[in-house]
Amino acid sequence: MDKAEYRKQLRLFAKISFLEGMSFVVLLLIAMPLKYAMDLPQLVKYVGWAHGALFIAYGFQLLYIGFTYKWQFSKIGLYGICSLIPFAPFWVEKQMKKEITEV
């Protein structure tokens, strides 16, 4: 295993995790309330699109790292479930940063 490449992939996954988590928070706490309270559905459209793209990127990067670097299936599954829970991607980002320092 090339440690430099592994670190690079972990950093990328940490960034995607953070952005995916932020997009979810913005969608839930800003865009959705504005849609219903002030009749502004445009923000949901664009933030929702960005969140969807980041969600897909998260999944692909998780699978790429998980299978390329032979992570345990339970770890892949846990991080996959974290993509569905608000604020959990921030925990995944923290785990990736910890793993980067351990490699």
PDB file of N, CA and C in Angstrom:
ATOM      1  N   MET A   1       0.854  -1.182   0.000  1.00  0.00           N
ATOM      2  CA  MET A   1       0.000   0.000   0.000  1.00  0.00           C
ATOM      3  C   MET A   1       0.893   1.236   0.000  1.00  0.00           C
ATOM      4  N   ASP A   2       0.622   2.119  -0.934  1.00  0.00           N
ATOM      5  CA  ASP A   2       1.324   3.402  -1.010  1.00  0.00           C
ATOM      6  C   ASP A   2       0.699   4.347   0.016  1.00  0.00           C
ATOM      7  N   LYS A   3       1.447   4.651   1.071  1.00  0.00           N
ATOM      8  CA  LYS A   3       0.894   5.454   2.168  1.00  0.00           C
ATOM      9  C   LYS A   3       0.532   6.862   1.735  1.00  0.00           C
ATOM     10  N   ALA A   4       1.327   7.453   0.846  1.00  0.00           N
ATOM     11  CA  ALA A   4       1.044   8.818   0.386  1.00  0.00           C
ATOM     12  C   ALA A   4      -0.285   8.859  -0.372  1.00  0.00           C
ATOM     13  N   GLU A   5      -0.516   7.880  -1.226  1.00  0.00           N
ATOM     14  CA  GLU A   5      -1.770   7.826  -1.979  1.00  0.00           C
ATOM     15  C   GLU A   5      -2.953   7.550  -1.049  1.00  0.00           C
ATOM     16  N   TYR A   6      -2.753   6.686  -0.062  1.00  0.00           N
ATOM     17  CA  TYR A   6      -3.801   6.385   0.909  1.00  0.00           C
ATOM     18  C   TYR A   6      -4.182   7.645   1.684  1.00  0.00           C
ATOM     19  N   ARG A   7      -3.178   8.382   2.143  1.00  0.00           N
ATOM     20  CA  ARG A   7      -3.444   9.644   2.845  1.00  0.00           C
ATOM     21  C   ARG A   7      -4.206  10.617   1.954  1.00  0.00           C
ATOM     22  N   LYS A   8      -3.812  10.679   0.699  1.00  0.00           N
ATOM     23  CA  LYS A   8      -4.480  11.575  -0.266  1.00  0.00           C
ATOM     24  C   LYS A   8      -5.955  11.204  -0.394  1.00  0.00           C
ATOM     25  N   GLN A   9      -6.249   9.926  -0.510  1.00  0.00           N
ATOM     26  CA  GLN A   9      -7.632   9.463  -0.644  1.00  0.00           C
ATOM     27  C   GLN A   9      -8.418   9.715   0.650  1.00  0.00           C
ATOM     28  N   LEU A  10      -7.775   9.537   1.795  1.00  0.00           N
ATOM     29  CA  LEU A  10      -8.437   9.812   3.073  1.00  0.00           C
ATOM     30  C   LEU A  10      -8.743  11.299   3.213  1.00  0.00           C
ATOM     31  N   ARG A  11      -7.801  12.164   2.788  1.00  0.00           N
ATOM     32  CA  ARG A  11      -8.043  13.611   2.843  1.00  0.00           C
ATOM     33  C   ARG A  11      -9.223  13.990   1.953  1.00  0.00           C
ATOM     34  N   LEU A  12      -9.266  13.410   0.766  1.00  0.00           N
ATOM     35  CA  LEU A  12     -10.367  13.688  -0.150  1.00  0.00           C
ATOM     36  C   LEU A  12     -11.694  13.241   0.466  1.00  0.00           C
ATOM     37  N   PHE A  13     -11.702  12.063   1.079  1.00  0.00           N
ATOM     38  CA  PHE A  13     -12.926  11.573   1.707  1.00  0.00           C
ATOM     39  C   PHE A  13     -13.335  12.456   2.884  1.00  0.00           C
ATOM     40  N   ALA A  14     -12.352  12.942   3.637  1.00  0.00           N
ATOM     41  CA  ALA A  14     -12.653  13.846   4.755  1.00  0.00           C
ATOM     42  C   ALA A  14     -13.294  15.129   4.236  1.00  0.00           C
ATOM     43  N   LYS A  15     -12.774  15.678   3.148  1.00  0.00           N
ATOM     44  CA  LYS A  15     -13.341  16.906   2.566  1.00  0.00           C
ATOM     45  C   LYS A  15     -14.762  16.668   2.060  1.00  0.00           C
ATOM     46  N   ILE A  16     -14.940  15.554   1.357  1.00  0.00           N
ATOM     47  CA  ILE A  16     -16.277  15.233   0.852  1.00  0.00           C
ATOM     48  C   ILE A  16     -17.245  15.035   2.019  1.00  0.00           C
ATOM     49  N   SER A  17     -16.804  14.372   3.079  1.00  0.00           N
ATOM     50  CA  SER A  17     -17.653  14.151   4.260  1.00  0.00           C
ATOM     51  C   SER A  17     -18.093  15.472   4.857  1.00  0.00           C
ATOM     52  N   PHE A  18     -17.145  16.393   5.017  1.00  0.00           N
ATOM     53  CA  PHE A  18     -17.472  17.700   5.581  1.00  0.00           C
ATOM     54  C   PHE A  18     -18.473  18.438   4.693  1.00  0.00           C
ATOM     55  N   LEU A  19     -18.198  18.487   3.390  1.00  0.00           N
ATOM     56  CA  LEU A  19     -19.085  19.208   2.472  1.00  0.00           C
ATOM     57  C   LEU A  19     -20.467  18.566   2.397  1.00  0.00           C
ATOM     58  N   GLU A  20     -20.518  17.242   2.420  1.00  0.00           N
ATOM     59  CA  GLU A  20     -21.805  16.538   2.383  1.00  0.00           C
ATOM     60  C   GLU A  20     -22.599  16.856   3.650  1.00  0.00           C
ATOM     61  N   GLY A  21     -21.915  16.843   4.782  1.00  0.00           N
ATOM     62  CA  GLY A  21     -22.576  17.183   6.037  1.00  0.00           C
ATOM     63  C   GLY A  21     -23.078  18.620   6.053  1.00  0.00           C
ATOM     64  N   MET A  22     -22.262  19.544   5.567  1.00  0.00           N
ATOM     65  CA  MET A  22     -22.666  20.950   5.520  1.00  0.00           C
ATOM     66  C   MET A  22     -23.860  21.150   4.590  1.00  0.00           C
ATOM     67  N   SER A  23     -23.836  20.497   3.440  1.00  0.00           N
ATOM     68  CA  SER A  23     -24.940  20.660   2.497  1.00  0.00           C
ATOM     69  C   SER A  23     -26.244  20.136   3.106  1.00  0.00           C
ATOM     70  N   PHE A  24     -26.160  19.057   3.862  1.00  0.00           N
ATOM     71  CA  PHE A  24     -27.346  18.494   4.510  1.00  0.00           C
ATOM     72  C   PHE A  24     -27.886  19.451   5.577  1.00  0.00           C
ATOM     73  N   VAL A  25     -26.981  20.024   6.364  1.00  0.00           N
ATOM     74  CA  VAL A  25     -27.377  20.978   7.404  1.00  0.00           C
ATOM     75  C   VAL A  25     -28.014  22.216   6.771  1.00  0.00           C
ATOM     76  N   VAL A  26     -27.394  22.748   5.723  1.00  0.00           N
ATOM     77  CA  VAL A  26     -27.948  23.927   5.046  1.00  0.00           C
ATOM     78  C   VAL A  26     -29.315  23.600   4.457  1.00  0.00           C
ATOM     79  N   LEU A  27     -29.441  22.428   3.870  1.00  0.00           N
ATOM     80  CA  LEU A  27     -30.721  22.019   3.295  1.00  0.00           C
ATOM     81  C   LEU A  27     -31.811  21.931   4.377  1.00  0.00           C
ATOM     82  N   LEU A  28     -31.486  21.299   5.495  1.00  0.00           N
ATOM     83  CA  LEU A  28     -32.485  21.105   6.552  1.00  0.00           C
ATOM     84  C   LEU A  28     -32.779  22.357   7.363  1.00  0.00           C
ATOM     85  N   LEU A  29     -31.746  23.141   7.664  1.00  0.00           N
ATOM     86  CA  LEU A  29     -31.919  24.248   8.593  1.00  0.00           C
ATOM     87  C   LEU A  29     -32.110  25.617   7.942  1.00  0.00           C
ATOM     88  N   ILE A  30     -31.773  25.735   6.676  1.00  0.00           N
ATOM     89  CA  ILE A  30     -31.923  27.034   6.008  1.00  0.00           C
ATOM     90  C   ILE A  30     -32.872  26.936   4.818  1.00  0.00           C
ATOM     91  N   ALA A  31     -32.561  26.061   3.876  1.00  0.00           N
ATOM     92  CA  ALA A  31     -33.331  26.010   2.628  1.00  0.00           C
ATOM     93  C   ALA A  31     -34.787  25.566   2.855  1.00  0.00           C
ATOM     94  N   MET A  32     -34.969  24.488   3.615  1.00  0.00           N
ATOM     95  CA  MET A  32     -36.335  24.002   3.835  1.00  0.00           C
ATOM     96  C   MET A  32     -37.194  25.008   4.604  1.00  0.00           C
ATOM     97  N   PRO A  33     -36.694  25.592   5.696  1.00  0.00           N
ATOM     98  CA  PRO A  33     -37.518  26.606   6.376  1.00  0.00           C
ATOM     99  C   PRO A  33     -37.851  27.803   5.477  1.00  0.00           C
ATOM    100  N   LEU A  34     -36.891  28.231   4.658  1.00  0.00           N
ATOM    101  CA  LEU A  34     -37.173  29.350   3.750  1.00  0.00           C
ATOM    102  C   LEU A  34     -38.214  28.967   2.701  1.00  0.00           C
ATOM    103  N   LYS A  35     -38.185  27.722   2.285  1.00  0.00           N
ATOM    104  CA  LYS A  35     -39.159  27.263   1.293  1.00  0.00           C
ATOM    105  C   LYS A  35     -40.581  27.375   1.855  1.00  0.00           C
ATOM    106  N   TYR A  36     -40.773  26.923   3.086  1.00  0.00           N
ATOM    107  CA  TYR A  36     -42.119  26.882   3.637  1.00  0.00           C
ATOM    108  C   TYR A  36     -42.525  28.162   4.363  1.00  0.00           C
ATOM    109  N   ALA A  37     -41.577  28.855   4.970  1.00  0.00           N
ATOM    110  CA  ALA A  37     -41.923  30.069   5.714  1.00  0.00           C
ATOM    111  C   ALA A  37     -42.033  31.296   4.810  1.00  0.00           C
ATOM    112  N   MET A  38     -41.191  31.343   3.762  1.00  0.00           N
ATOM    113  CA  MET A  38     -41.168  32.537   2.921  1.00  0.00           C
ATOM    114  C   MET A  38     -41.466  32.224   1.455  1.00  0.00           C
ATOM    115  N   ASP A  39     -41.906  31.003   1.180  1.00  0.00           N
ATOM    116  CA  ASP A  39     -42.240  30.583  -0.182  1.00  0.00           C
ATOM    117  C   ASP A  39     -41.084  30.826  -1.147  1.00  0.00           C
ATOM    118  N   LEU A  40     -39.883  30.349  -0.767  1.00  0.00           N
ATOM    119  CA  LEU A  40     -38.682  30.468  -1.601  1.00  0.00           C
ATOM    120  C   LEU A  40     -38.144  29.070  -1.943  1.00  0.00           C
ATOM    121  N   PRO A  41     -38.756  28.402  -2.912  1.00  0.00           N
ATOM    122  CA  PRO A  41     -38.337  27.030  -3.215  1.00  0.00           C
ATOM    123  C   PRO A  41     -37.017  26.922  -4.003  1.00  0.00           C
ATOM    124  N   GLN A  42     -36.521  28.026  -4.548  1.00  0.00           N
ATOM    125  CA  GLN A  42     -35.321  27.981  -5.381  1.00  0.00           C
ATOM    126  C   GLN A  42     -34.106  27.473  -4.615  1.00  0.00           C
ATOM    127  N   LEU A  43     -33.973  27.897  -3.369  1.00  0.00           N
ATOM    128  CA  LEU A  43     -32.810  27.492  -2.581  1.00  0.00           C
ATOM    129  C   LEU A  43     -32.786  25.981  -2.371  1.00  0.00           C
ATOM    130  N   VAL A  44     -33.964  25.392  -2.154  1.00  0.00           N
ATOM    131  CA  VAL A  44     -34.031  23.942  -1.982  1.00  0.00           C
ATOM    132  C   VAL A  44     -33.576  23.243  -3.256  1.00  0.00           C
ATOM    133  N   LYS A  45     -33.949  23.791  -4.384  1.00  0.00           N
ATOM    134  CA  LYS A  45     -33.563  23.196  -5.662  1.00  0.00           C
ATOM    135  C   LYS A  45     -32.045  23.133  -5.802  1.00  0.00           C
ATOM    136  N   TYR A  46     -31.376  24.238  -5.554  1.00  0.00           N
ATOM    137  CA  TYR A  46     -29.927  24.292  -5.779  1.00  0.00           C
ATOM    138  C   TYR A  46     -29.132  23.621  -4.667  1.00  0.00           C
ATOM    139  N   VAL A  47     -29.519  23.849  -3.436  1.00  0.00           N
ATOM    140  CA  VAL A  47     -28.829  23.185  -2.327  1.00  0.00           C
ATOM    141  C   VAL A  47     -29.106  21.682  -2.379  1.00  0.00           C
ATOM    142  N   GLY A  48     -30.308  21.323  -2.739  1.00  0.00           N
ATOM    143  CA  GLY A  48     -30.644  19.908  -2.873  1.00  0.00           C
ATOM    144  C   GLY A  48     -29.841  19.226  -3.965  1.00  0.00           C
ATOM    145  N   TRP A  49     -29.648  19.927  -5.070  1.00  0.00           N
ATOM    146  CA  TRP A  49     -28.832  19.372  -6.152  1.00  0.00           C
ATOM    147  C   TRP A  49     -27.393  19.186  -5.684  1.00  0.00           C
ATOM    148  N   ALA A  50     -26.840  20.197  -5.016  1.00  0.00           N
ATOM    149  CA  ALA A  50     -25.465  20.102  -4.512  1.00  0.00           C
ATOM    150  C   ALA A  50     -25.351  18.975  -3.494  1.00  0.00           C
ATOM    151  N   HIS A  51     -26.324  18.873  -2.608  1.00  0.00           N
ATOM    152  CA  HIS A  51     -26.302  17.810  -1.605  1.00  0.00           C
ATOM    153  C   HIS A  51     -26.360  16.438  -2.281  1.00  0.00           C
ATOM    154  N   GLY A  52     -27.192  16.299  -3.284  1.00  0.00           N
ATOM    155  CA  GLY A  52     -27.288  15.030  -3.998  1.00  0.00           C
ATOM    156  C   GLY A  52     -25.977  14.648  -4.664  1.00  0.00           C
ATOM    157  N   ALA A  53     -25.328  15.615  -5.298  1.00  0.00           N
ATOM    158  CA  ALA A  53     -24.037  15.352  -5.952  1.00  0.00           C
ATOM    159  C   ALA A  53     -22.980  14.968  -4.919  1.00  0.00           C
ATOM    160  N   LEU A  54     -22.966  15.663  -3.785  1.00  0.00           N
ATOM    161  CA  LEU A  54     -21.996  15.348  -2.733  1.00  0.00           C
ATOM    162  C   LEU A  54     -22.292  13.996  -2.084  1.00  0.00           C
ATOM    163  N   PHE A  55     -23.572  13.657  -1.954  1.00  0.00           N
ATOM    164  CA  PHE A  55     -23.962  12.362  -1.415  1.00  0.00           C
ATOM    165  C   PHE A  55     -23.441  11.234  -2.310  1.00  0.00           C
ATOM    166  N   ILE A  56     -23.578  11.411  -3.606  1.00  0.00           N
ATOM    167  CA  ILE A  56     -23.082  10.405  -4.556  1.00  0.00           C
ATOM    168  C   ILE A  56     -21.560  10.331  -4.508  1.00  0.00           C
ATOM    169  N   ALA A  57     -20.901  11.490  -4.455  1.00  0.00           N
ATOM    170  CA  ALA A  57     -19.440  11.512  -4.363  1.00  0.00           C
ATOM    171  C   ALA A  57     -18.974  10.804  -3.088  1.00  0.00           C
ATOM    172  N   TYR A  58     -19.680  11.044  -1.988  1.00  0.00           N
ATOM    173  CA  TYR A  58     -19.372  10.394  -0.706  1.00  0.00           C
ATOM    174  C   TYR A  58     -19.442   8.874  -0.885  1.00  0.00           C
ATOM    175  N   GLY A  59     -20.530   8.398  -1.479  1.00  0.00           N
ATOM    176  CA  GLY A  59     -20.698   6.960  -1.668  1.00  0.00           C
ATOM    177  C   GLY A  59     -19.623   6.349  -2.540  1.00  0.00           C
ATOM    178  N   PHE A  60     -19.328   6.998  -3.660  1.00  0.00           N
ATOM    179  CA  PHE A  60     -18.292   6.475  -4.549  1.00  0.00           C
ATOM    180  C   PHE A  60     -16.920   6.473  -3.880  1.00  0.00           C
ATOM    181  N   GLN A  61     -16.588   7.558  -3.182  1.00  0.00           N
ATOM    182  CA  GLN A  61     -15.284   7.625  -2.514  1.00  0.00           C
ATOM    183  C   GLN A  61     -15.193   6.602  -1.395  1.00  0.00           C
ATOM    184  N   LEU A  62     -16.280   6.417  -0.656  1.00  0.00           N
ATOM    185  CA  LEU A  62     -16.307   5.404   0.400  1.00  0.00           C
ATOM    186  C   LEU A  62     -16.055   4.015  -0.184  1.00  0.00           C
ATOM    187  N   LEU A  63     -16.759   3.688  -1.244  1.00  0.00           N
ATOM    188  CA  LEU A  63     -16.577   2.370  -1.856  1.00  0.00           C
ATOM    189  C   LEU A  63     -15.187   2.210  -2.452  1.00  0.00           C
ATOM    190  N   TYR A  64     -14.684   3.259  -3.083  1.00  0.00           N
ATOM    191  CA  TYR A  64     -13.339   3.202  -3.673  1.00  0.00           C
ATOM    192  C   TYR A  64     -12.292   2.928  -2.598  1.00  0.00           C
ATOM    193  N   ILE A  65     -12.315   3.728  -1.538  1.00  0.00           N
ATOM    194  CA  ILE A  65     -11.325   3.535  -0.465  1.00  0.00           C
ATOM    195  C   ILE A  65     -11.548   2.192   0.226  1.00  0.00           C
ATOM    196  N   GLY A  66     -12.799   1.890   0.524  1.00  0.00           N
ATOM    197  CA  GLY A  66     -13.104   0.660   1.250  1.00  0.00           C
ATOM    198  C   GLY A  66     -12.614  -0.593   0.551  1.00  0.00           C
ATOM    199  N   PHE A  67     -12.834  -0.669  -0.746  1.00  0.00           N
ATOM    200  CA  PHE A  67     -12.440  -1.876  -1.470  1.00  0.00           C
ATOM    201  C   PHE A  67     -10.985  -1.837  -1.917  1.00  0.00           C
ATOM    202  N   THR A  68     -10.475  -0.668  -2.259  1.00  0.00           N
ATOM    203  CA  THR A  68      -9.081  -0.570  -2.681  1.00  0.00           C
ATOM    204  C   THR A  68      -8.132  -0.873  -1.531  1.00  0.00           C
ATOM    205  N   TYR A  69      -8.450  -0.363  -0.356  1.00  0.00           N
ATOM    206  CA  TYR A  69      -7.563  -0.532   0.795  1.00  0.00           C
ATOM    207  C   TYR A  69      -8.069  -1.580   1.782  1.00  0.00           C
ATOM    208  N   LYS A  70      -9.015  -2.391   1.319  1.00  0.00           N
ATOM    209  CA  LYS A  70      -9.501  -3.570   2.045  1.00  0.00           C
ATOM    210  C   LYS A  70      -9.954  -3.256   3.478  1.00  0.00           C
ATOM    211  N   TRP A  71     -10.829  -2.274   3.596  1.00  0.00           N
ATOM    212  CA  TRP A  71     -11.442  -1.978   4.885  1.00  0.00           C
ATOM    213  C   TRP A  71     -12.393  -3.114   5.232  1.00  0.00           C
ATOM    214  N   GLN A  72     -12.671  -3.275   6.515  1.00  0.00           N
ATOM    215  CA  GLN A  72     -13.661  -4.255   6.950  1.00  0.00           C
ATOM    216  C   GLN A  72     -15.039  -3.810   6.446  1.00  0.00           C
ATOM    217  N   PHE A  73     -15.862  -4.793   6.119  1.00  0.00           N
ATOM    218  CA  PHE A  73     -17.202  -4.484   5.626  1.00  0.00           C
ATOM    219  C   PHE A  73     -18.002  -3.688   6.659  1.00  0.00           C
ATOM    220  N   SER A  74     -17.793  -3.984   7.941  1.00  0.00           N
ATOM    221  CA  SER A  74     -18.525  -3.254   8.983  1.00  0.00           C
ATOM    222  C   SER A  74     -18.164  -1.764   8.990  1.00  0.00           C
ATOM    223  N   LYS A  75     -16.919  -1.456   8.703  1.00  0.00           N
ATOM    224  CA  LYS A  75     -16.482  -0.060   8.644  1.00  0.00           C
ATOM    225  C   LYS A  75     -17.121   0.649   7.451  1.00  0.00           C
ATOM    226  N   ILE A  76     -17.132  -0.012   6.307  1.00  0.00           N
ATOM    227  CA  ILE A  76     -17.772   0.549   5.111  1.00  0.00           C
ATOM    228  C   ILE A  76     -19.260   0.765   5.379  1.00  0.00           C
ATOM    229  N   GLY A  77     -19.902  -0.236   5.987  1.00  0.00           N
ATOM    230  CA  GLY A  77     -21.327  -0.123   6.297  1.00  0.00           C
ATOM    231  C   GLY A  77     -21.628   1.001   7.278  1.00  0.00           C
ATOM    232  N   LEU A  78     -20.808   1.128   8.312  1.00  0.00           N
ATOM    233  CA  LEU A  78     -21.009   2.186   9.296  1.00  0.00           C
ATOM    234  C   LEU A  78     -20.883   3.559   8.654  1.00  0.00           C
ATOM    235  N   TYR A  79     -19.841   3.759   7.864  1.00  0.00           N
ATOM    236  CA  TYR A  79     -19.655   5.052   7.205  1.00  0.00           C
ATOM    237  C   TYR A  79     -20.748   5.301   6.167  1.00  0.00           C
ATOM    238  N   GLY A  80     -21.260   4.248   5.570  1.00  0.00           N
ATOM    239  CA  GLY A  80     -22.383   4.394   4.650  1.00  0.00           C
ATOM    240  C   GLY A  80     -23.637   4.859   5.367  1.00  0.00           C
ATOM    241  N   ILE A  81     -23.923   4.268   6.509  1.00  0.00           N
ATOM    242  CA  ILE A  81     -25.079   4.683   7.310  1.00  0.00           C
ATOM    243  C   ILE A  81     -24.916   6.123   7.781  1.00  0.00           C
ATOM    244  N   CYS A  82     -23.695   6.507   8.086  1.00  0.00           N
ATOM    245  CA  CYS A  82     -23.430   7.882   8.538  1.00  0.00           C
ATOM    246  C   CYS A  82     -23.806   8.923   7.484  1.00  0.00           C
ATOM    247  N   SER A  83     -23.814   8.543   6.234  1.00  0.00           N
ATOM    248  CA  SER A  83     -24.194   9.497   5.186  1.00  0.00           C
ATOM    249  C   SER A  83     -25.682   9.823   5.237  1.00  0.00           C
ATOM    250  N   LEU A  84     -26.451   9.023   5.962  1.00  0.00           N
ATOM    251  CA  LEU A  84     -27.898   9.214   6.040  1.00  0.00           C
ATOM    252  C   LEU A  84     -28.350   9.954   7.293  1.00  0.00           C
ATOM    253  N   ILE A  85     -27.449  10.136   8.236  1.00  0.00           N
ATOM    254  CA  ILE A  85     -27.796  10.724   9.530  1.00  0.00           C
ATOM    255  C   ILE A  85     -27.237  12.147   9.604  1.00  0.00           C
ATOM    256  N   PRO A  86     -28.097  13.131   9.921  1.00  0.00           N
ATOM    257  CA  PRO A  86     -27.585  14.504  10.044  1.00  0.00           C
ATOM    258  C   PRO A  86     -26.439  14.586  11.062  1.00  0.00           C
ATOM    259  N   PHE A  87     -25.427  15.314  10.728  1.00  0.00           N
ATOM    260  CA  PHE A  87     -24.231  15.562  11.538  1.00  0.00           C
ATOM    261  C   PHE A  87     -23.272  14.382  11.607  1.00  0.00           C
ATOM    262  N   ALA A  88     -23.664  13.190  11.217  1.00  0.00           N
ATOM    263  CA  ALA A  88     -22.760  12.038  11.256  1.00  0.00           C
ATOM    264  C   ALA A  88     -21.582  12.170  10.276  1.00  0.00           C
ATOM    265  N   PRO A  89     -21.752  12.797   9.101  1.00  0.00           N
ATOM    266  CA  PRO A  89     -20.584  12.965   8.228  1.00  0.00           C
ATOM    267  C   PRO A  89     -19.454  13.777   8.877  1.00  0.00           C
ATOM    268  N   PHE A  90     -19.792  14.625   9.836  1.00  0.00           N
ATOM    269  CA  PHE A  90     -18.745  15.369  10.549  1.00  0.00           C
ATOM    270  C   PHE A  90     -17.919  14.420  11.421  1.00  0.00           C
ATOM    271  N   TRP A  91     -18.575  13.418  11.986  1.00  0.00           N
ATOM    272  CA  TRP A  91     -17.866  12.400  12.753  1.00  0.00           C
ATOM    273  C   TRP A  91     -16.960  11.585  11.833  1.00  0.00           C
ATOM    274  N   VAL A  92     -17.452  11.254  10.634  1.00  0.00           N
ATOM    275  CA  VAL A  92     -16.642  10.509   9.664  1.00  0.00           C
ATOM    276  C   VAL A  92     -15.413  11.335   9.287  1.00  0.00           C
ATOM    277  N   GLU A  93     -15.617  12.637   9.065  1.00  0.00           N
ATOM    278  CA  GLU A  93     -14.477  13.507   8.749  1.00  0.00           C
ATOM    279  C   GLU A  93     -13.431  13.443   9.861  1.00  0.00           C
ATOM    280  N   LYS A  94     -13.879  13.490  11.103  1.00  0.00           N
ATOM    281  CA  LYS A  94     -12.968  13.420  12.248  1.00  0.00           C
ATOM    282  C   LYS A  94     -12.218  12.087  12.259  1.00  0.00           C
ATOM    283  N   GLN A  95     -12.927  11.001  11.971  1.00  0.00           N
ATOM    284  CA  GLN A  95     -12.295   9.684  11.928  1.00  0.00           C
ATOM    285  C   GLN A  95     -11.237   9.620  10.828  1.00  0.00           C
ATOM    286  N   MET A  96     -11.518  10.223   9.675  1.00  0.00           N
ATOM    287  CA  MET A  96     -10.552  10.213   8.577  1.00  0.00           C
ATOM    288  C   MET A  96      -9.298  11.002   8.951  1.00  0.00           C
ATOM    289  N   LYS A  97      -9.491  12.134   9.597  1.00  0.00           N
ATOM    290  CA  LYS A  97      -8.333  12.932  10.024  1.00  0.00           C
ATOM    291  C   LYS A  97      -7.490  12.169  11.043  1.00  0.00           C
ATOM    292  N   LYS A  98      -8.147  11.429  11.920  1.00  0.00           N
ATOM    293  CA  LYS A  98      -7.422  10.605  12.892  1.00  0.00           C
ATOM    294  C   LYS A  98      -6.658   9.510  12.168  1.00  0.00           C
ATOM    295  N   GLU A  99      -7.291   8.888  11.184  1.00  0.00           N
ATOM    296  CA  GLU A  99      -6.643   7.806  10.447  1.00  0.00           C
ATOM    297  C   GLU A  99      -5.455   8.318   9.633  1.00  0.00           C
ATOM    298  N   ILE A 100      -5.569   9.530   9.102  1.00  0.00           N
ATOM    299  CA  ILE A 100      -4.463  10.124   8.341  1.00  0.00           C
ATOM    300  C   ILE A 100      -3.224  10.231   9.226  1.00  0.00           C
ATOM    301  N   THR A 101      -3.405  10.640  10.472  1.00  0.00           N
ATOM    302  CA  THR A 101      -2.261  10.790  11.373  1.00  0.00           C
ATOM    303  C   THR A 101      -1.690   9.438  11.797  1.00  0.00           C
ATOM    304  N   GLU A 102      -2.500   8.399  11.751  1.00  0.00           N
ATOM    305  CA  GLU A 102      -2.044   7.066  12.158  1.00  0.00           C
ATOM    306  C   GLU A 102      -1.350   6.317  11.052  1.00  0.00           C
ATOM    307  N   VAL A 103      -1.539   6.730   9.812  1.00  0.00           N
ATOM    308  CA  VAL A 103      -0.932   6.010   8.675  1.00  0.00           C
ATOM    309  C   VAL A 103       0.525   6.383   8.541  1.00  0.00           C
TER     310      VAL A 103
END
